[in-house]
Amino acid sequence: MNICKRAMLLALTGGILMTTGCAGSDSSSQTPQSSAADTTTTTTTAATTTTTTTTTTTAFTFTEPELKEPSEYGKVIALTFDDGPNTSTTNAVLDVLEKYDARASFFLIGNNITEDCHEVMKRTVSMGCEINSHSLTHSYMNTMKPDEIVAEMDATAKLIEDVIGVGPKFFRPPYIAVNYTMWDNIDIPFISGYGCNDWDPKVTTEQRVETVLSQAKDGAIILLHDAQGNYQTVEALEQIIPELQAQGYELVTLTELFHAKGVTPKAVEETYTDYMIYSYAEQTSTWG
């Protein structure tokens, strides 16, 4: 760890660590659409005709993707996306991933998980991608009390599990703003990543491509956004993914990334100096 960073970390006992992260949540309103299937039964007697409609919801069964042996992986990179889900940009990102047979991890804002996004979430995991937590409200959690932090995490985990059958394995703090209270009350690993400020519409598609490719390395975590309307990132992916694959990278989920590198990511440690927020799999210092 850089000496200056270590000094800052040790000095802030109970203090706040913050770097610039992703933009705010998608607050646009969407009209829920039922995914239920309706069946109609008609019973006819001599005097009357009675019609009964029964609504049944299609069951979804999550299947954990099979992992290869670590030695079977070559160079790996994890593309990650914040601020979904939605039925527009998230689906467009999934289209590009599917086109190039790539996998990724999505960090969802709980308040964005509306009924009309359920099929998008199911599609995500059916493609072998991964769904994780980006908090319930996308607020500065480093200003919250312990019970507020736990409530944010528990509510988001339940919303995710109710749709796909499993809860999140990883957590990305909103704005990458963290403090010791968060580490003490969140029991899954914290993820940061190498970003390109793609939440900012002033950052062009080409700038996004150039920044991501310049940060590519074996085991890296790339931080991107699938917020509604962020189509410049979708366009950038059409260049980023095939170029990374041409360079020999396999695009994997975070679970695969750590597995491929033989790393068990840390969630909770006994001393503050050992708390981790990962930007690459084999990271050994707090900020990477």
C-alpha atoms as a PDB file:
ATOM      1  CA  MET A   1       0.000   0.000   0.000  1.00  0.00           C
ATOM      2  CA  ASN A   2       1.186   3.501  -0.772  1.00  0.00           C
ATOM      3  CA  ILE A   3       2.579   5.086   2.417  1.00  0.00           C
ATOM      4  CA  CYS A   4       0.397   8.174   2.082  1.00  0.00           C
ATOM      5  CA  LYS A   5      -2.707   6.040   1.623  1.00  0.00           C
ATOM      6  CA  ARG A   6      -1.824   3.912   4.664  1.00  0.00           C
ATOM      7  CA  ALA A   7      -1.296   6.998   6.778  1.00  0.00           C
ATOM      8  CA  MET A   8      -4.648   8.373   5.706  1.00  0.00           C
ATOM      9  CA  LEU A   9      -6.385   5.084   6.425  1.00  0.00           C
ATOM     10  CA  LEU A  10      -4.914   4.663   9.885  1.00  0.00           C
ATOM     11  CA  ALA A  11      -5.631   8.257  10.804  1.00  0.00           C
ATOM     12  CA  LEU A  12      -9.327   8.008  10.023  1.00  0.00           C
ATOM     13  CA  THR A  13     -10.455   5.726  12.842  1.00  0.00           C
ATOM     14  CA  GLY A  14     -14.182   5.989  12.473  1.00  0.00           C
ATOM     15  CA  GLY A  15     -13.703   8.448   9.621  1.00  0.00           C
ATOM     16  CA  ILE A  16     -14.710   8.394   5.977  1.00  0.00           C
ATOM     17  CA  LEU A  17     -12.898   7.162   2.881  1.00  0.00           C
ATOM     18  CA  MET A  18     -14.346   8.434  -0.377  1.00  0.00           C
ATOM     19  CA  THR A  19     -13.512   8.523  -4.048  1.00  0.00           C
ATOM     20  CA  THR A  20     -15.578   9.593  -7.004  1.00  0.00           C
ATOM     21  CA  GLY A  21     -17.820   6.766  -8.148  1.00  0.00           C
ATOM     22  CA  CYS A  22     -20.970   6.296 -10.145  1.00  0.00           C
ATOM     23  CA  ALA A  23     -23.771   8.747 -10.660  1.00  0.00           C
ATOM     24  CA  GLY A  24     -27.180   8.691  -9.029  1.00  0.00           C
ATOM     25  CA  SER A  25     -29.874   6.104  -9.505  1.00  0.00           C
ATOM     26  CA  ASP A  26     -32.292   5.801 -12.375  1.00  0.00           C
ATOM     27  CA  SER A  27     -35.327   7.668 -11.104  1.00  0.00           C
ATOM     28  CA  SER A  28     -37.525   7.453 -14.194  1.00  0.00           C
ATOM     29  CA  SER A  29     -40.973   5.982 -13.724  1.00  0.00           C
ATOM     30  CA  GLN A  30     -41.923   2.790 -15.467  1.00  0.00           C
ATOM     31  CA  THR A  31     -45.262   1.028 -15.776  1.00  0.00           C
ATOM     32  CA  PRO A  32     -45.184  -2.479 -14.294  1.00  0.00           C
ATOM     33  CA  GLN A  33     -46.190  -5.257 -16.624  1.00  0.00           C
ATOM     34  CA  SER A  34     -47.432  -8.584 -15.387  1.00  0.00           C
ATOM     35  CA  SER A  35     -45.362 -11.619 -16.329  1.00  0.00           C
ATOM     36  CA  ALA A  36     -48.094 -13.966 -15.157  1.00  0.00           C
ATOM     37  CA  ALA A  37     -49.886 -16.351 -17.477  1.00  0.00           C
ATOM     38  CA  ASP A  38     -53.691 -16.339 -17.446  1.00  0.00           C
ATOM     39  CA  THR A  39     -55.748 -19.488 -18.100  1.00  0.00           C
ATOM     40  CA  THR A  40     -59.503 -19.388 -18.592  1.00  0.00           C
ATOM     41  CA  THR A  41     -61.882 -22.254 -17.824  1.00  0.00           C
ATOM     42  CA  THR A  42     -65.507 -22.121 -18.996  1.00  0.00           C
ATOM     43  CA  THR A  43     -68.192 -24.302 -17.380  1.00  0.00           C
ATOM     44  CA  THR A  44     -71.596 -24.497 -19.088  1.00  0.00           C
ATOM     45  CA  THR A  45     -74.826 -25.714 -17.508  1.00  0.00           C
ATOM     46  CA  ALA A  46     -78.369 -25.721 -18.892  1.00  0.00           C
ATOM     47  CA  ALA A  47     -79.148 -22.357 -17.350  1.00  0.00           C
ATOM     48  CA  THR A  48     -75.850 -20.485 -16.962  1.00  0.00           C
ATOM     49  CA  THR A  49     -72.293 -20.171 -18.272  1.00  0.00           C
ATOM     50  CA  THR A  50     -69.587 -19.556 -15.645  1.00  0.00           C
ATOM     51  CA  THR A  51     -66.087 -18.360 -16.609  1.00  0.00           C
ATOM     52  CA  THR A  52     -63.238 -18.704 -14.129  1.00  0.00           C
ATOM     53  CA  THR A  53     -59.821 -17.087 -14.716  1.00  0.00           C
ATOM     54  CA  THR A  54     -56.820 -18.476 -12.857  1.00  0.00           C
ATOM     55  CA  THR A  55     -53.544 -16.540 -12.790  1.00  0.00           C
ATOM     56  CA  THR A  56     -50.317 -18.538 -12.468  1.00  0.00           C
ATOM     57  CA  THR A  57     -46.796 -17.104 -12.316  1.00  0.00           C
ATOM     58  CA  THR A  58     -44.098 -18.837 -14.332  1.00  0.00           C
ATOM     59  CA  ALA A  59     -41.549 -20.296 -11.926  1.00  0.00           C
ATOM     60  CA  PHE A  60     -37.889 -19.393 -12.327  1.00  0.00           C
ATOM     61  CA  THR A  61     -35.168 -21.744 -11.184  1.00  0.00           C
ATOM     62  CA  PHE A  62     -31.668 -20.378 -10.763  1.00  0.00           C
ATOM     63  CA  THR A  63     -28.858 -22.653 -11.870  1.00  0.00           C
ATOM     64  CA  GLU A  64     -25.380 -21.816 -10.611  1.00  0.00           C
ATOM     65  CA  PRO A  65     -23.043 -21.654 -13.620  1.00  0.00           C
ATOM     66  CA  GLU A  66     -20.381 -24.337 -13.635  1.00  0.00           C
ATOM     67  CA  LEU A  67     -16.839 -23.110 -13.053  1.00  0.00           C
ATOM     68  CA  LYS A  68     -13.858 -24.451 -14.945  1.00  0.00           C
ATOM     69  CA  GLU A  69     -10.702 -25.470 -13.170  1.00  0.00           C
ATOM     70  CA  PRO A  70      -8.574 -22.359 -12.478  1.00  0.00           C
ATOM     71  CA  SER A  71      -5.860 -23.748 -14.746  1.00  0.00           C
ATOM     72  CA  GLU A  72      -8.320 -23.795 -17.666  1.00  0.00           C
ATOM     73  CA  TYR A  73      -8.691 -20.018 -17.648  1.00  0.00           C
ATOM     74  CA  GLY A  74      -6.312 -17.767 -19.510  1.00  0.00           C
ATOM     75  CA  LYS A  75      -6.373 -14.008 -19.059  1.00  0.00           C
ATOM     76  CA  VAL A  76      -9.613 -12.852 -17.438  1.00  0.00           C
ATOM     77  CA  ILE A  77     -11.396  -9.511 -17.007  1.00  0.00           C
ATOM     78  CA  ALA A  78     -14.703  -8.767 -15.277  1.00  0.00           C
ATOM     79  CA  LEU A  79     -16.949  -6.143 -16.841  1.00  0.00           C
ATOM     80  CA  THR A  80     -19.339  -4.781 -14.218  1.00  0.00           C
ATOM     81  CA  PHE A  81     -22.366  -2.509 -14.613  1.00  0.00           C
ATOM     82  CA  ASP A  82     -24.007  -0.221 -12.041  1.00  0.00           C
ATOM     83  CA  ASP A  83     -27.386   1.453 -11.590  1.00  0.00           C
ATOM     84  CA  GLY A  84     -29.808  -0.982 -13.252  1.00  0.00           C
ATOM     85  CA  PRO A  85     -31.993  -2.726 -13.792  1.00  0.00           C
ATOM     86  CA  ASN A  86     -34.158  -1.242 -16.530  1.00  0.00           C
ATOM     87  CA  THR A  87     -35.809  -2.627 -19.637  1.00  0.00           C
ATOM     88  CA  SER A  88     -33.907  -0.450 -22.111  1.00  0.00           C
ATOM     89  CA  THR A  89     -30.178  -0.010 -21.537  1.00  0.00           C
ATOM     90  CA  THR A  90     -29.762  -3.157 -19.456  1.00  0.00           C
ATOM     91  CA  ASN A  91     -31.288  -5.225 -22.262  1.00  0.00           C
ATOM     92  CA  ALA A  92     -29.078  -3.453 -24.806  1.00  0.00           C
ATOM     93  CA  VAL A  93     -25.972  -4.330 -22.755  1.00  0.00           C
ATOM     94  CA  LEU A  94     -27.142  -7.935 -22.526  1.00  0.00           C
ATOM     95  CA  ASP A  95     -27.622  -7.989 -26.311  1.00  0.00           C
ATOM     96  CA  VAL A  96     -23.969  -7.036 -26.842  1.00  0.00           C
ATOM     97  CA  LEU A  97     -22.739  -9.530 -24.249  1.00  0.00           C
ATOM     98  CA  GLU A  98     -24.791 -12.274 -25.884  1.00  0.00           C
ATOM     99  CA  LYS A  99     -23.502 -11.327 -29.346  1.00  0.00           C
ATOM    100  CA  TYR A 100     -19.898 -11.862 -28.247  1.00  0.00           C
ATOM    101  CA  ASP A 101     -20.538 -14.758 -25.840  1.00  0.00           C
ATOM    102  CA  ALA A 102     -19.289 -12.680 -22.907  1.00  0.00           C
ATOM    103  CA  ARG A 103     -20.360 -12.657 -19.274  1.00  0.00           C
ATOM    104  CA  ALA A 104     -20.506  -9.761 -16.808  1.00  0.00           C
ATOM    105  CA  SER A 105     -21.703  -8.757 -13.340  1.00  0.00           C
ATOM    106  CA  PHE A 106     -24.508  -6.281 -12.650  1.00  0.00           C
ATOM    107  CA  PHE A 107     -24.822  -4.205  -9.470  1.00  0.00           C
ATOM    108  CA  LEU A 108     -28.496  -3.377  -8.973  1.00  0.00           C
ATOM    109  CA  ILE A 109     -30.148  -0.528  -7.090  1.00  0.00           C
ATOM    110  CA  GLY A 110     -32.958  -2.063  -5.074  1.00  0.00           C
ATOM    111  CA  ASN A 111     -35.407   0.750  -5.771  1.00  0.00           C
ATOM    112  CA  ASN A 112     -34.984   0.114  -9.518  1.00  0.00           C
ATOM    113  CA  ILE A 113     -36.171  -3.483  -9.191  1.00  0.00           C
ATOM    114  CA  THR A 114     -39.731  -3.027 -10.376  1.00  0.00           C
ATOM    115  CA  GLU A 115     -41.971  -5.772 -11.736  1.00  0.00           C
ATOM    116  CA  ASP A 116     -41.284  -4.863 -15.346  1.00  0.00           C
ATOM    117  CA  CYS A 117     -37.562  -5.530 -14.750  1.00  0.00           C
ATOM    118  CA  HIS A 118     -38.019  -9.068 -13.472  1.00  0.00           C
ATOM    119  CA  GLU A 119     -37.662 -10.659 -16.895  1.00  0.00           C
ATOM    120  CA  VAL A 120     -34.491  -8.637 -17.523  1.00  0.00           C
ATOM    121  CA  MET A 121     -33.017  -9.985 -14.281  1.00  0.00           C
ATOM    122  CA  LYS A 122     -33.951 -13.547 -15.203  1.00  0.00           C
ATOM    123  CA  ARG A 123     -32.401 -13.084 -18.627  1.00  0.00           C
ATOM    124  CA  THR A 124     -29.236 -11.779 -16.983  1.00  0.00           C
ATOM    125  CA  VAL A 125     -28.596 -14.866 -14.894  1.00  0.00           C
ATOM    126  CA  SER A 126     -29.853 -17.235 -17.597  1.00  0.00           C
ATOM    127  CA  MET A 127     -26.996 -15.915 -19.762  1.00  0.00           C
ATOM    128  CA  GLY A 128     -24.479 -16.856 -17.063  1.00  0.00           C
ATOM    129  CA  CYS A 129     -24.099 -13.296 -15.805  1.00  0.00           C
ATOM    130  CA  GLU A 130     -24.233 -12.308 -12.154  1.00  0.00           C
ATOM    131  CA  ILE A 131     -26.436  -9.966 -10.107  1.00  0.00           C
ATOM    132  CA  ASN A 132     -25.066  -8.135  -7.072  1.00  0.00           C
ATOM    133  CA  SER A 133     -25.985  -5.250  -4.752  1.00  0.00           C
ATOM    134  CA  HIS A 134     -25.532  -1.508  -5.281  1.00  0.00           C
ATOM    135  CA  SER A 135     -27.691  -0.629  -2.233  1.00  0.00           C
ATOM    136  CA  LEU A 136     -31.399   0.144  -2.011  1.00  0.00           C
ATOM    137  CA  THR A 137     -31.465   3.913  -2.531  1.00  0.00           C
ATOM    138  CA  HIS A 138     -28.008   4.763  -3.961  1.00  0.00           C
ATOM    139  CA  SER A 139     -27.350   7.107  -1.046  1.00  0.00           C
ATOM    140  CA  TYR A 140     -24.093   7.977   0.718  1.00  0.00           C
ATOM    141  CA  MET A 141     -24.056   5.008   3.067  1.00  0.00           C
ATOM    142  CA  ASN A 142     -20.980   6.346   4.874  1.00  0.00           C
ATOM    143  CA  THR A 143     -23.301   8.861   6.533  1.00  0.00           C
ATOM    144  CA  MET A 144     -25.709   6.181   7.783  1.00  0.00           C
ATOM    145  CA  LYS A 145     -26.105   4.521  11.151  1.00  0.00           C
ATOM    146  CA  PRO A 146     -25.509   0.770  11.447  1.00  0.00           C
ATOM    147  CA  ASP A 147     -29.199  -0.151  11.399  1.00  0.00           C
ATOM    148  CA  GLU A 148     -29.741   1.988   8.286  1.00  0.00           C
ATOM    149  CA  ILE A 149     -26.862   0.276   6.501  1.00  0.00           C
ATOM    150  CA  VAL A 150     -28.207  -3.164   7.378  1.00  0.00           C
ATOM    151  CA  ALA A 151     -31.695  -2.174   6.232  1.00  0.00           C
ATOM    152  CA  GLU A 152     -30.363  -1.004   2.843  1.00  0.00           C
ATOM    153  CA  MET A 153     -28.477  -4.242   2.314  1.00  0.00           C
ATOM    154  CA  ASP A 154     -31.204  -6.583   3.549  1.00  0.00           C
ATOM    155  CA  ALA A 155     -33.933  -4.928   1.481  1.00  0.00           C
ATOM    156  CA  THR A 156     -31.870  -5.082  -1.715  1.00  0.00           C
ATOM    157  CA  ALA A 157     -30.850  -8.691  -1.121  1.00  0.00           C
ATOM    158  CA  LYS A 158     -34.480  -9.701  -0.629  1.00  0.00           C
ATOM    159  CA  LEU A 159     -35.626  -7.917  -3.781  1.00  0.00           C
ATOM    160  CA  ILE A 160     -32.952  -9.744  -5.779  1.00  0.00           C
ATOM    161  CA  GLU A 161     -33.560 -13.131  -4.193  1.00  0.00           C
ATOM    162  CA  ASP A 162     -37.329 -12.880  -4.668  1.00  0.00           C
ATOM    163  CA  VAL A 163     -36.793 -12.642  -8.431  1.00  0.00           C
ATOM    164  CA  ILE A 164     -33.850 -14.933  -9.233  1.00  0.00           C
ATOM    165  CA  GLY A 165     -33.743 -17.196  -6.171  1.00  0.00           C
ATOM    166  CA  VAL A 166     -30.321 -16.194  -4.841  1.00  0.00           C
ATOM    167  CA  GLY A 167     -28.966 -13.119  -3.114  1.00  0.00           C
ATOM    168  CA  PRO A 168     -25.936 -10.998  -4.042  1.00  0.00           C
ATOM    169  CA  LYS A 169     -22.365 -12.192  -3.473  1.00  0.00           C
ATOM    170  CA  PHE A 170     -20.692  -8.779  -3.813  1.00  0.00           C
ATOM    171  CA  PHE A 171     -21.423  -5.132  -2.977  1.00  0.00           C
ATOM    172  CA  ARG A 172     -20.422  -1.940  -4.741  1.00  0.00           C
ATOM    173  CA  PRO A 173     -20.784   1.111  -2.478  1.00  0.00           C
ATOM    174  CA  PRO A 174     -22.623   4.038  -4.074  1.00  0.00           C
ATOM    175  CA  TYR A 175     -20.100   6.677  -5.144  1.00  0.00           C
ATOM    176  CA  ILE A 176     -17.384   4.292  -3.847  1.00  0.00           C
ATOM    177  CA  ALA A 177     -17.870   6.127  -0.530  1.00  0.00           C
ATOM    178  CA  VAL A 178     -17.001   3.860   2.399  1.00  0.00           C
ATOM    179  CA  ASN A 179     -16.186   3.982   6.093  1.00  0.00           C
ATOM    180  CA  TYR A 180     -15.511   1.534   8.920  1.00  0.00           C
ATOM    181  CA  THR A 181     -19.172   1.404   9.978  1.00  0.00           C
ATOM    182  CA  MET A 182     -20.048   0.020   6.542  1.00  0.00           C
ATOM    183  CA  TRP A 183     -17.308  -2.604   6.673  1.00  0.00           C
ATOM    184  CA  ASP A 184     -18.466  -3.629  10.150  1.00  0.00           C
ATOM    185  CA  ASN A 185     -22.080  -4.110   9.046  1.00  0.00           C
ATOM    186  CA  ILE A 186     -21.837  -5.523   5.510  1.00  0.00           C
ATOM    187  CA  ASP A 187     -20.736  -9.143   5.277  1.00  0.00           C
ATOM    188  CA  ILE A 188     -20.032  -9.510   1.546  1.00  0.00           C
ATOM    189  CA  PRO A 189     -16.899  -8.288  -0.277  1.00  0.00           C
ATOM    190  CA  PHE A 190     -16.706  -4.666  -1.437  1.00  0.00           C
ATOM    191  CA  ILE A 191     -15.977  -4.069  -5.131  1.00  0.00           C
ATOM    192  CA  SER A 192     -14.658  -0.911  -6.788  1.00  0.00           C
ATOM    193  CA  GLY A 193     -13.012  -1.213 -10.218  1.00  0.00           C
ATOM    194  CA  TYR A 194     -11.316   0.768 -12.951  1.00  0.00           C
ATOM    195  CA  GLY A 195     -13.838   3.256 -14.319  1.00  0.00           C
ATOM    196  CA  CYS A 196     -14.062   5.631 -17.257  1.00  0.00           C
ATOM    197  CA  ASN A 197     -16.620   8.104 -15.853  1.00  0.00           C
ATOM    198  CA  ASP A 198     -19.168   6.703 -18.286  1.00  0.00           C
ATOM    199  CA  TRP A 199     -21.994   8.002 -16.094  1.00  0.00           C
ATOM    200  CA  ASP A 200     -21.124  11.446 -17.472  1.00  0.00           C
ATOM    201  CA  PRO A 201     -22.725  12.058 -20.908  1.00  0.00           C
ATOM    202  CA  LYS A 202     -19.910  14.475 -21.775  1.00  0.00           C
ATOM    203  CA  VAL A 203     -17.504  11.514 -21.912  1.00  0.00           C
ATOM    204  CA  THR A 204     -17.601  10.362 -25.519  1.00  0.00           C
ATOM    205  CA  THR A 205     -17.905   6.811 -26.755  1.00  0.00           C
ATOM    206  CA  GLU A 206     -14.315   6.866 -28.005  1.00  0.00           C
ATOM    207  CA  GLN A 207     -13.028   8.190 -24.672  1.00  0.00           C
ATOM    208  CA  ARG A 208     -14.787   5.344 -22.895  1.00  0.00           C
ATOM    209  CA  VAL A 209     -13.259   2.805 -25.241  1.00  0.00           C
ATOM    210  CA  GLU A 210      -9.756   4.237 -24.935  1.00  0.00           C
ATOM    211  CA  THR A 211      -9.878   4.454 -21.130  1.00  0.00           C
ATOM    212  CA  VAL A 212     -11.164   0.925 -20.616  1.00  0.00           C
ATOM    213  CA  LEU A 213      -8.661  -0.611 -23.018  1.00  0.00           C
ATOM    214  CA  SER A 214      -5.789   1.321 -21.433  1.00  0.00           C
ATOM    215  CA  GLN A 215      -6.701  -0.136 -18.026  1.00  0.00           C
ATOM    216  CA  ALA A 216      -7.062  -3.718 -19.203  1.00  0.00           C
ATOM    217  CA  LYS A 217      -4.944  -6.263 -17.376  1.00  0.00           C
ATOM    218  CA  ASP A 218      -5.309  -9.846 -16.274  1.00  0.00           C
ATOM    219  CA  GLY A 219      -7.643  -9.990 -13.269  1.00  0.00           C
ATOM    220  CA  ALA A 220      -8.978  -6.437 -13.651  1.00  0.00           C
ATOM    221  CA  ILE A 221     -12.480  -5.287 -12.696  1.00  0.00           C
ATOM    222  CA  ILE A 222     -13.942  -2.685 -15.071  1.00  0.00           C
ATOM    223  CA  LEU A 223     -16.593  -0.317 -13.667  1.00  0.00           C
ATOM    224  CA  LEU A 224     -19.296   0.727 -16.146  1.00  0.00           C
ATOM    225  CA  HIS A 225     -22.951   1.815 -15.981  1.00  0.00           C
ATOM    226  CA  ASP A 226     -26.161   0.507 -17.540  1.00  0.00           C
ATOM    227  CA  ALA A 227     -28.328   3.353 -16.229  1.00  0.00           C
ATOM    228  CA  GLN A 228     -31.330   4.088 -18.401  1.00  0.00           C
ATOM    229  CA  GLY A 229     -30.342   6.022 -21.517  1.00  0.00           C
ATOM    230  CA  ASN A 230     -26.589   5.375 -21.251  1.00  0.00           C
ATOM    231  CA  TYR A 231     -26.303   4.183 -24.849  1.00  0.00           C
ATOM    232  CA  GLN A 232     -22.799   5.583 -25.334  1.00  0.00           C
ATOM    233  CA  THR A 233     -21.570   2.775 -23.108  1.00  0.00           C
ATOM    234  CA  VAL A 234     -23.543   0.265 -25.171  1.00  0.00           C
ATOM    235  CA  GLU A 235     -21.822   1.645 -28.276  1.00  0.00           C
ATOM    236  CA  ALA A 236     -18.459   1.511 -26.525  1.00  0.00           C
ATOM    237  CA  LEU A 237     -18.977  -2.164 -25.680  1.00  0.00           C
ATOM    238  CA  GLU A 238     -19.222  -2.959 -29.385  1.00  0.00           C
ATOM    239  CA  GLN A 239     -15.562  -1.955 -29.589  1.00  0.00           C
ATOM    240  CA  ILE A 240     -14.329  -2.887 -26.101  1.00  0.00           C
ATOM    241  CA  ILE A 241     -15.479  -6.512 -26.019  1.00  0.00           C
ATOM    242  CA  PRO A 242     -14.128  -7.730 -29.382  1.00  0.00           C
ATOM    243  CA  GLU A 243     -10.836  -5.894 -28.798  1.00  0.00           C
ATOM    244  CA  LEU A 244     -10.369  -7.481 -25.352  1.00  0.00           C
ATOM    245  CA  GLN A 245     -11.192 -10.891 -26.809  1.00  0.00           C
ATOM    246  CA  ALA A 246      -8.715 -10.291 -29.625  1.00  0.00           C
ATOM    247  CA  GLN A 247      -6.098  -9.598 -26.945  1.00  0.00           C
ATOM    248  CA  GLY A 248      -6.819 -13.015 -25.416  1.00  0.00           C
ATOM    249  CA  TYR A 249      -9.066 -12.019 -22.520  1.00  0.00           C
ATOM    250  CA  GLU A 250     -12.051 -14.059 -21.403  1.00  0.00           C
ATOM    251  CA  LEU A 251     -14.848 -11.845 -20.070  1.00  0.00           C
ATOM    252  CA  VAL A 252     -16.155 -13.413 -16.875  1.00  0.00           C
ATOM    253  CA  THR A 253     -18.256 -12.736 -13.787  1.00  0.00           C
ATOM    254  CA  LEU A 254     -16.689 -11.619 -10.523  1.00  0.00           C
ATOM    255  CA  THR A 255     -17.199 -15.094  -9.088  1.00  0.00           C
ATOM    256  CA  GLU A 256     -15.264 -16.557 -12.023  1.00  0.00           C
ATOM    257  CA  LEU A 257     -12.593 -13.861 -11.818  1.00  0.00           C
ATOM    258  CA  PHE A 258     -11.678 -14.651  -8.226  1.00  0.00           C
ATOM    259  CA  HIS A 259     -11.985 -18.398  -8.837  1.00  0.00           C
ATOM    260  CA  ALA A 260      -9.725 -18.243 -11.877  1.00  0.00           C
ATOM    261  CA  LYS A 261      -7.083 -16.424  -9.834  1.00  0.00           C
ATOM    262  CA  GLY A 262      -7.389 -18.752  -6.838  1.00  0.00           C
ATOM    263  CA  VAL A 263      -8.479 -15.880  -4.597  1.00  0.00           C
ATOM    264  CA  THR A 264     -11.071 -15.949  -1.825  1.00  0.00           C
ATOM    265  CA  PRO A 265     -12.186 -12.299  -1.577  1.00  0.00           C
ATOM    266  CA  LYS A 266     -12.202 -10.863   1.913  1.00  0.00           C
ATOM    267  CA  ALA A 267     -15.416  -9.565   3.446  1.00  0.00           C
ATOM    268  CA  VAL A 268     -14.590  -8.846   7.081  1.00  0.00           C
ATOM    269  CA  GLU A 269     -11.233  -8.599   8.789  1.00  0.00           C
ATOM    270  CA  GLU A 270     -10.165  -7.992  12.375  1.00  0.00           C
ATOM    271  CA  THR A 271      -8.216  -4.807  11.735  1.00  0.00           C
ATOM    272  CA  TYR A 272      -9.227  -1.781   9.703  1.00  0.00           C
ATOM    273  CA  THR A 273      -6.027  -1.826   7.688  1.00  0.00           C
ATOM    274  CA  ASP A 274      -7.044  -5.188   6.223  1.00  0.00           C
ATOM    275  CA  TYR A 275     -10.441  -4.100   4.945  1.00  0.00           C
ATOM    276  CA  MET A 276     -10.580  -4.460   1.181  1.00  0.00           C
ATOM    277  CA  ILE A 277     -12.374  -2.856  -1.744  1.00  0.00           C
ATOM    278  CA  TYR A 278     -11.310  -4.704  -4.878  1.00  0.00           C
ATOM    279  CA  SER A 279     -10.359  -3.282  -8.259  1.00  0.00           C
ATOM    280  CA  TYR A 280      -8.542  -6.438  -9.357  1.00  0.00           C
ATOM    281  CA  ALA A 281      -8.659 -10.032  -8.194  1.00  0.00           C
ATOM    282  CA  GLU A 282      -5.189 -10.424  -6.721  1.00  0.00           C
ATOM    283  CA  GLN A 283      -5.258  -7.115  -4.868  1.00  0.00           C
ATOM    284  CA  THR A 284      -3.581  -7.148  -1.460  1.00  0.00           C
ATOM    285  CA  SER A 285      -3.844  -3.482  -0.397  1.00  0.00           C
ATOM    286  CA  THR A 286      -7.029  -1.638   0.505  1.00  0.00           C
ATOM    287  CA  TRP A 287      -7.330   0.542  -2.586  1.00  0.00           C
ATOM    288  CA  GLY A 288      -5.342  -1.385  -5.160  1.00  0.00           C
END
